[in-house]
Amino acid sequence: MRKLLLKALPVFTLLLALFAAVVWHGLNLWMDAPMRIPEAGLVYEVRAGAGVRTVFADFEKQGLVKSADPMRWYLRLHRKPYRINAGEYRLQQGDTPRTLLQRFESGQVVQYAITFPEGWTAAQVLAALQAAPNLKRELTDVAALAGLLGLPEGSSIEGWLLPETYLYHKGLSDLDVLRQAFQAMQATLSRLWADREEGLPYETPYEALIMASLVERETGVPEERPAIAGVFVRRLQKNMRLQTDPAVIYGLGDRYQGNLTRAHLKEPTPYNTYTNHGLPPTPIAMPGEAAIHAALHPQAGDTLYFVAKGDGSHAFSATLAEHEAAVLKYQVRQRNSDYRSSPKR
C-alpha cells in the first residue's frame, strides 16, 4: 500500500499543479476581462482605509463585476499586499480589475481645475474657492489668512497669488489651493526679480509686485504691458503722481459702482494715486508673469502719459499737450456703444 501511495504521489502532485495552473490562468483571464462599466463611465470613491476586498465587494453590489470571489482568490494566491490610495477614480469602459488595481495603487485620482485669471483680486479668488466643487472649506477666518500663508501678521494677501490654473483632488482644501498659488507667486517673483533691469525705482520685490498689479489692471492689449510700465516707471523717477484710475477704484472698495467721479479722484485714500506720490501701499490685483516681467523690464522711451482709445488699447504721449490732444480725440468725443476706457475683466 505504501509503495502504491509513493507511486501515486508524483501523479497527484502533477494533477494538483495542473489544477493550480488552470485556476491561476482563469483568475488572470478574469483580471484582464472588461468590467461592467456604463458607457458614460463613472466616478468611484475609495474611502480612507478601504482595502481591495472591500472595494470589489462594493463593485459586486453595484453590478460592476458579477462576483468578487475571483478577486479574493487572486489576492490569496498572488500573496501581494496591495496598498490602494483613497480618493475619487474615474472608471471607463474597457477598464479591467487589473488596470483598476494599478490605478488605485498609483493614486491616479480625479483632478479638478480652478482658474484664477490675471487681474483678479484676492476677494474674487476667495469667492471662486467658495464655489469650487469637492474642496474642503478651511478658510473660516480670512483675517488670519496672511499668517496661514506665512506673511507677517496684518499683511495683505493682495497680489501674492499667481494667476494660473491649479489642479486639486477631493480631500484637499481651499487653503491647500491658496498655498499652491502663493508659492507659485513667490517662486515667479523671485526668479524675475533676480533678472531685473538696473536703475528701477523699486527697493524690494514687493514694490515691483505692486507696480506689476497696476500694469495688469491698466492693460487691455497684452503687448502694451511694457509700454505702460515704462510710463509708470518714468513718472516715479520724475516724482510725478502715477494718476492711475484702477488704484483709485480699488481704494473705494464697494463704494465704487461703475462710475469714477471727480470727487473720487480727490478723495483721500491710501490708494488715490492722484493725490499721493509713489506706489500704493499694496498691490491692487493679481499680476501675471507677463505683467511682472514688464514692471522689471519697462519699455524705454520718453512717454509720460497714456489715454484709453476705447477699444482696450491706449494712445501714448510724451508731453502734456500731446496727451490733452489725445484725450480730446478719444474721450471727449461722443462715445459709441463699444467704447471702453479700461480693460474688460
Protein backbone atom coordinates (compact mmCIF):
# COMPACT_ATOMS: atom_id res chain seq x y z
CA MET A 1 0.00 0.00 0.00
CA ARG A 2 2.81 2.35 0.91
CA LYS A 3 4.58 1.61 -2.37
CA LEU A 4 1.35 2.33 -4.21
CA LEU A 5 0.97 5.67 -2.47
CA LEU A 6 4.57 6.57 -3.23
CA LYS A 7 4.00 5.78 -6.91
CA ALA A 8 0.76 7.81 -6.95
CA LEU A 9 2.26 10.84 -5.21
CA PRO A 10 4.06 12.26 -8.28
CA VAL A 11 0.88 11.86 -10.33
CA PHE A 12 -1.20 13.55 -7.63
CA THR A 13 1.35 16.38 -7.36
CA LEU A 14 1.30 16.83 -11.11
CA LEU A 15 -2.51 16.90 -11.19
CA LEU A 16 -2.54 19.42 -8.34
CA ALA A 17 -0.02 21.60 -10.16
CA LEU A 18 -2.08 21.39 -13.35
CA PHE A 19 -5.22 22.30 -11.41
CA ALA A 20 -3.46 25.27 -9.78
CA ALA A 21 -2.17 26.39 -13.19
CA VAL A 22 -5.66 26.19 -14.69
CA VAL A 23 -7.13 28.13 -11.75
CA TRP A 24 -4.37 30.75 -11.93
CA HIS A 25 -4.86 31.09 -15.67
CA GLY A 26 -8.59 31.51 -15.17
CA LEU A 27 -8.07 34.16 -12.48
CA ASN A 28 -5.70 36.08 -14.75
CA LEU A 29 -8.27 35.92 -17.56
CA TRP A 30 -10.80 37.40 -15.13
CA MET A 31 -8.31 40.08 -14.06
CA ASP A 32 -7.93 41.16 -17.69
CA ALA A 33 -11.62 40.96 -18.64
CA PRO A 34 -13.50 44.27 -19.07
CA MET A 35 -15.77 45.14 -16.17
CA ARG A 36 -19.44 46.10 -16.49
CA ILE A 37 -18.91 49.84 -16.56
CA PRO A 38 -21.60 52.08 -18.12
CA GLU A 39 -20.82 53.66 -21.47
CA ALA A 40 -20.67 57.13 -19.91
CA GLY A 41 -18.24 55.90 -17.26
CA LEU A 42 -18.47 56.80 -13.59
CA VAL A 43 -16.52 58.23 -10.70
CA TYR A 44 -15.91 55.86 -7.80
CA GLU A 45 -14.61 56.99 -4.43
CA VAL A 46 -12.27 54.73 -2.48
CA ARG A 47 -12.84 55.55 1.17
CA ALA A 48 -9.94 56.04 3.53
CA GLY A 49 -8.87 52.70 4.99
CA ALA A 50 -10.72 50.61 2.38
CA GLY A 51 -8.89 47.55 1.05
CA VAL A 52 -9.11 45.75 -2.29
CA ARG A 53 -11.59 43.17 -0.98
CA THR A 54 -13.89 45.90 0.33
CA VAL A 55 -13.79 47.80 -2.95
CA PHE A 56 -14.52 44.77 -5.12
CA ALA A 57 -17.29 43.62 -2.79
CA ASP A 58 -18.82 47.03 -3.41
CA PHE A 59 -18.29 46.58 -7.16
CA GLU A 60 -20.27 43.33 -6.90
CA LYS A 61 -23.14 45.12 -5.14
CA GLN A 62 -23.19 47.78 -7.86
CA GLY A 63 -23.13 45.16 -10.62
CA LEU A 64 -19.75 46.26 -11.96
CA VAL A 65 -18.48 42.67 -11.61
CA LYS A 66 -20.58 39.52 -11.50
CA SER A 67 -18.77 38.27 -8.40
CA ALA A 68 -15.93 39.49 -6.21
CA ASP A 69 -14.83 35.92 -5.39
CA PRO A 70 -12.20 35.74 -8.16
CA MET A 71 -10.51 38.82 -6.68
CA ARG A 72 -10.47 37.22 -3.23
CA TRP A 73 -8.81 34.07 -4.68
CA TYR A 74 -6.41 36.15 -6.76
CA LEU A 75 -5.24 38.09 -3.71
CA ARG A 76 -4.90 34.87 -1.70
CA LEU A 77 -2.80 33.12 -4.37
CA HIS A 78 -0.85 36.16 -5.53
CA ARG A 79 0.24 36.99 -1.98
CA LYS A 80 0.95 40.62 -2.87
CA PRO A 81 -0.11 43.25 -0.31
CA TYR A 82 -1.88 45.86 -2.45
CA ARG A 83 -1.89 49.32 -0.88
CA ILE A 84 -4.57 51.42 -2.54
CA ASN A 85 -4.93 55.17 -2.16
CA ALA A 86 -8.13 56.80 -1.03
CA GLY A 87 -9.79 59.26 -3.39
CA GLU A 88 -12.01 59.54 -6.43
CA TYR A 89 -11.20 57.46 -9.51
CA ARG A 90 -12.67 57.63 -12.99
CA LEU A 91 -13.87 54.24 -14.26
CA GLN A 92 -14.37 53.83 -18.01
CA GLN A 93 -15.49 51.13 -20.39
CA GLY A 94 -12.61 48.78 -21.08
CA ASP A 95 -11.26 49.01 -17.56
CA THR A 96 -10.36 45.65 -16.04
CA PRO A 97 -9.78 44.60 -12.43
CA ARG A 98 -6.04 44.67 -13.12
CA THR A 99 -5.99 48.18 -14.61
CA LEU A 100 -8.09 49.46 -11.72
CA LEU A 101 -5.75 47.91 -9.16
CA GLN A 102 -2.85 49.65 -10.87
CA ARG A 103 -4.78 52.95 -10.85
CA PHE A 104 -5.67 52.60 -7.18
CA GLU A 105 -2.06 51.79 -6.26
CA SER A 106 -0.60 54.71 -8.23
CA GLY A 107 -3.17 57.16 -6.86
CA GLN A 108 -4.38 58.41 -10.25
CA VAL A 109 -7.30 60.22 -8.67
CA VAL A 110 -9.76 62.52 -10.43
CA GLN A 111 -8.35 66.03 -10.75
CA TYR A 112 -10.42 69.21 -10.69
CA ALA A 113 -9.24 72.52 -12.10
CA ILE A 114 -9.75 76.05 -10.85
CA THR A 115 -8.51 79.09 -12.76
CA PHE A 116 -7.57 82.48 -11.32
CA PRO A 117 -7.41 84.97 -14.21
CA GLU A 118 -4.85 87.75 -14.41
CA GLY A 119 -6.08 90.93 -12.77
CA TRP A 120 -8.40 89.26 -10.28
CA THR A 121 -8.43 90.48 -6.70
CA ALA A 122 -7.99 88.30 -3.63
CA ALA A 123 -11.71 88.72 -2.92
CA GLN A 124 -12.56 87.23 -6.32
CA VAL A 125 -10.21 84.31 -5.68
CA LEU A 126 -11.82 83.56 -2.33
CA ALA A 127 -15.30 83.70 -3.92
CA ALA A 128 -14.19 81.23 -6.62
CA LEU A 129 -12.82 78.87 -3.97
CA GLN A 130 -16.12 79.03 -2.09
CA ALA A 131 -17.93 77.93 -5.26
CA ALA A 132 -15.42 75.22 -6.26
CA PRO A 133 -16.74 71.63 -6.05
CA ASN A 134 -15.21 68.90 -3.88
CA LEU A 135 -12.98 71.28 -1.96
CA LYS A 136 -12.88 71.28 1.83
CA ARG A 137 -13.58 74.63 3.46
CA GLU A 138 -10.90 75.73 5.90
CA LEU A 139 -10.90 79.49 5.33
CA THR A 140 -13.29 80.47 8.07
CA ASP A 141 -11.17 83.38 9.26
CA VAL A 142 -10.00 85.36 6.24
CA ALA A 143 -8.31 87.90 8.52
CA ALA A 144 -5.86 85.20 9.59
CA LEU A 145 -5.12 84.12 6.00
CA ALA A 146 -1.90 86.12 5.64
CA GLY A 147 -0.46 84.40 8.70
CA LEU A 148 -1.54 80.98 7.44
CA LEU A 149 0.36 81.62 4.22
CA GLY A 150 3.48 82.74 6.06
CA LEU A 151 3.15 86.50 5.61
CA PRO A 152 3.70 88.86 8.55
CA GLU A 153 0.64 89.44 10.71
CA GLY A 154 -1.56 92.20 9.35
CA SER A 155 -0.17 91.90 5.82
CA SER A 156 -2.41 91.92 2.76
CA ILE A 157 -2.53 88.82 0.56
CA GLU A 158 -3.49 91.01 -2.39
CA GLY A 159 -1.17 90.33 -5.31
CA TRP A 160 0.52 87.34 -3.64
CA LEU A 161 -1.43 84.71 -5.61
CA LEU A 162 -0.18 83.83 -9.09
CA PRO A 163 -2.92 83.83 -11.75
CA GLU A 164 -2.92 80.29 -13.13
CA THR A 165 -4.98 77.12 -13.43
CA TYR A 166 -4.49 74.87 -10.39
CA LEU A 167 -5.39 71.21 -10.05
CA TYR A 168 -6.75 69.63 -6.91
CA HIS A 169 -8.46 66.41 -5.89
CA LYS A 170 -11.21 65.64 -3.44
CA GLY A 171 -9.85 65.83 0.06
CA LEU A 172 -7.75 68.95 -0.48
CA SER A 173 -8.88 72.26 0.98
CA ASP A 174 -9.26 75.83 -0.22
CA LEU A 175 -6.20 76.66 1.86
CA ASP A 176 -4.21 73.96 0.03
CA VAL A 177 -5.02 75.61 -3.31
CA LEU A 178 -4.16 79.06 -1.97
CA ARG A 179 -0.80 77.74 -0.78
CA GLN A 180 -0.11 76.49 -4.32
CA ALA A 181 -0.90 79.93 -5.76
CA PHE A 182 1.12 81.71 -3.06
CA GLN A 183 4.19 79.51 -3.50
CA ALA A 184 3.95 79.86 -7.29
CA MET A 185 3.92 83.66 -6.98
CA GLN A 186 6.86 83.63 -4.56
CA ALA A 187 8.90 81.50 -6.96
CA THR A 188 7.93 83.57 -10.02
CA LEU A 189 8.64 86.92 -8.38
CA SER A 190 11.99 85.71 -7.00
CA ARG A 191 13.07 84.38 -10.41
CA LEU A 192 12.09 87.53 -12.32
CA TRP A 193 13.47 89.90 -9.67
CA ALA A 194 16.89 88.27 -9.98
CA ASP A 195 16.92 89.14 -13.71
CA ARG A 196 15.58 92.71 -13.40
CA GLU A 197 17.00 95.71 -15.20
CA GLU A 198 19.20 98.12 -13.29
CA GLY A 199 18.09 101.58 -12.24
CA LEU A 200 14.48 100.73 -11.46
CA PRO A 201 12.69 102.76 -8.75
CA TYR A 202 11.95 99.72 -6.57
CA GLU A 203 13.78 98.85 -3.38
CA THR A 204 12.16 95.45 -2.88
CA PRO A 205 10.48 92.72 -4.95
CA TYR A 206 7.21 93.65 -3.21
CA GLU A 207 7.34 97.15 -4.72
CA ALA A 208 7.81 95.54 -8.13
CA LEU A 209 4.77 93.37 -7.39
CA ILE A 210 2.73 96.48 -6.60
CA MET A 211 3.81 98.08 -9.88
CA ALA A 212 3.00 94.88 -11.79
CA SER A 213 -0.53 94.93 -10.39
CA LEU A 214 -1.03 98.48 -11.69
CA VAL A 215 0.27 97.44 -15.10
CA GLU A 216 -2.02 94.41 -15.10
CA ARG A 217 -5.13 96.42 -14.30
CA GLU A 218 -4.34 99.10 -16.89
CA THR A 219 -3.58 96.64 -19.68
CA GLY A 220 -6.21 95.76 -22.25
CA VAL A 221 -3.85 94.76 -25.07
CA PRO A 222 -1.16 92.34 -23.81
CA GLU A 223 1.66 93.77 -25.92
CA GLU A 224 1.18 97.18 -24.26
CA ARG A 225 2.32 95.99 -20.83
CA PRO A 226 5.96 97.11 -21.24
CA ALA A 227 4.86 100.50 -22.61
CA ILE A 228 2.51 101.10 -19.67
CA ALA A 229 5.22 100.00 -17.24
CA GLY A 230 7.60 102.41 -18.94
CA VAL A 231 5.23 105.35 -18.36
CA PHE A 232 4.77 104.48 -14.69
CA VAL A 233 8.49 103.97 -14.07
CA ARG A 234 9.39 107.31 -15.65
CA ARG A 235 6.69 109.09 -13.63
CA LEU A 236 8.12 107.63 -10.41
CA GLN A 237 11.63 108.63 -11.42
CA LYS A 238 10.43 112.20 -12.05
CA ASN A 239 8.44 112.27 -8.77
CA MET A 240 5.20 112.62 -10.73
CA ARG A 241 1.98 111.14 -9.39
CA LEU A 242 1.01 107.91 -11.11
CA GLN A 243 -2.62 109.00 -11.61
CA THR A 244 -3.95 105.53 -12.39
CA ASP A 245 -7.71 105.02 -12.11
CA PRO A 246 -7.66 101.30 -11.15
CA ALA A 247 -5.78 102.14 -7.94
CA VAL A 248 -8.34 104.79 -7.01
CA ILE A 249 -11.16 102.35 -7.73
CA TYR A 250 -9.51 99.69 -5.55
CA GLY A 251 -9.29 102.17 -2.69
CA LEU A 252 -13.01 102.94 -2.98
CA GLY A 253 -13.93 99.29 -2.45
CA ASP A 254 -17.66 98.56 -2.54
CA ARG A 255 -18.42 102.26 -2.83
CA TYR A 256 -17.35 102.19 -6.46
CA GLN A 257 -20.45 101.49 -8.55
CA GLY A 258 -19.02 101.72 -12.05
CA ASN A 259 -18.65 105.50 -12.39
CA LEU A 260 -15.41 107.18 -11.31
CA THR A 261 -16.19 110.81 -10.46
CA ARG A 262 -14.08 113.93 -9.92
CA ALA A 263 -14.96 113.69 -6.25
CA HIS A 264 -13.48 110.18 -6.16
CA LEU A 265 -10.23 111.49 -7.65
CA LYS A 266 -9.95 113.99 -4.80
CA GLU A 267 -10.93 111.61 -2.01
CA PRO A 268 -8.02 110.94 0.37
CA THR A 269 -7.41 107.19 0.46
CA PRO A 270 -4.04 105.38 0.57
CA TYR A 271 -4.71 104.18 -2.99
CA ASN A 272 -5.51 107.57 -4.53
CA THR A 273 -2.61 108.00 -6.94
CA TYR A 274 -3.99 111.40 -7.98
CA THR A 275 -3.35 112.87 -4.52
CA ASN A 276 -0.47 110.66 -3.30
CA HIS A 277 3.04 110.34 -4.68
CA GLY A 278 4.67 106.95 -5.16
CA LEU A 279 3.19 103.48 -5.24
CA PRO A 280 0.04 102.39 -3.41
CA PRO A 281 0.66 100.55 -0.12
CA THR A 282 -0.22 97.12 -1.57
CA PRO A 283 -0.91 95.51 -4.93
CA ILE A 284 -4.42 96.13 -6.25
CA ALA A 285 -4.82 92.78 -8.04
CA MET A 286 -3.02 89.59 -9.03
CA PRO A 287 -0.46 90.34 -11.75
CA GLY A 288 0.53 87.58 -14.12
CA GLU A 289 4.10 86.71 -15.05
CA ALA A 290 3.97 88.96 -18.15
CA ALA A 291 2.98 91.99 -16.05
CA ILE A 292 5.74 91.31 -13.51
CA HIS A 293 8.24 90.94 -16.34
CA ALA A 294 7.06 94.26 -17.81
CA ALA A 295 7.44 96.00 -14.44
CA LEU A 296 11.02 94.73 -14.23
CA HIS A 297 11.77 95.37 -17.93
CA PRO A 298 9.81 98.53 -18.80
CA GLN A 299 9.88 99.83 -22.34
CA ALA A 300 12.42 102.60 -22.84
CA GLY A 301 11.31 105.94 -24.22
CA ASP A 302 10.04 109.38 -23.22
CA THR A 303 6.30 108.81 -22.88
CA LEU A 304 4.74 110.03 -19.64
CA TYR A 305 1.02 109.79 -20.40
CA PHE A 306 -1.48 107.40 -21.93
CA VAL A 307 -5.20 107.53 -22.56
CA ALA A 308 -7.63 104.77 -23.46
CA LYS A 309 -8.74 104.78 -27.08
CA GLY A 310 -11.96 102.93 -26.34
CA ASP A 311 -11.01 99.56 -27.85
CA GLY A 312 -8.80 98.41 -24.98
CA SER A 313 -5.63 99.96 -26.40
CA HIS A 314 -4.02 103.28 -25.48
CA ALA A 315 -2.53 106.36 -27.07
CA PHE A 316 0.85 107.23 -25.52
CA SER A 317 2.22 110.77 -25.30
CA ALA A 318 5.49 112.38 -24.23
CA THR A 319 4.12 115.85 -23.43
CA LEU A 320 1.08 117.16 -21.64
CA ALA A 321 -0.03 118.99 -24.81
CA GLU A 322 0.07 115.75 -26.81
CA HIS A 323 -1.81 113.99 -24.04
CA GLU A 324 -4.55 116.63 -23.90
CA ALA A 325 -4.98 116.35 -27.66
CA ALA A 326 -5.30 112.56 -27.33
CA VAL A 327 -7.87 112.95 -24.54
CA LEU A 328 -9.85 115.32 -26.77
CA LYS A 329 -9.65 112.85 -29.65
CA TYR A 330 -10.52 109.66 -27.81
CA GLN A 331 -12.59 110.62 -24.78
CA VAL A 332 -14.31 113.96 -25.24
CA ARG A 333 -15.96 112.78 -28.44
CA GLN A 334 -19.37 111.14 -28.37
CA ARG A 335 -18.69 107.60 -27.23
CA ASN A 336 -20.20 104.78 -29.20
CA SER A 337 -21.59 101.56 -27.73
CA ASP A 338 -18.35 99.60 -27.94
CA TYR A 339 -16.18 102.26 -26.30
CA ARG A 340 -14.45 101.31 -23.07
CA SER A 341 -11.93 103.34 -21.13
CA SER A 342 -10.49 100.44 -19.17
CA PRO A 343 -9.80 96.78 -19.96
CA LYS A 344 -12.63 94.26 -19.73
CA ARG A 345 -12.38 91.91 -16.74
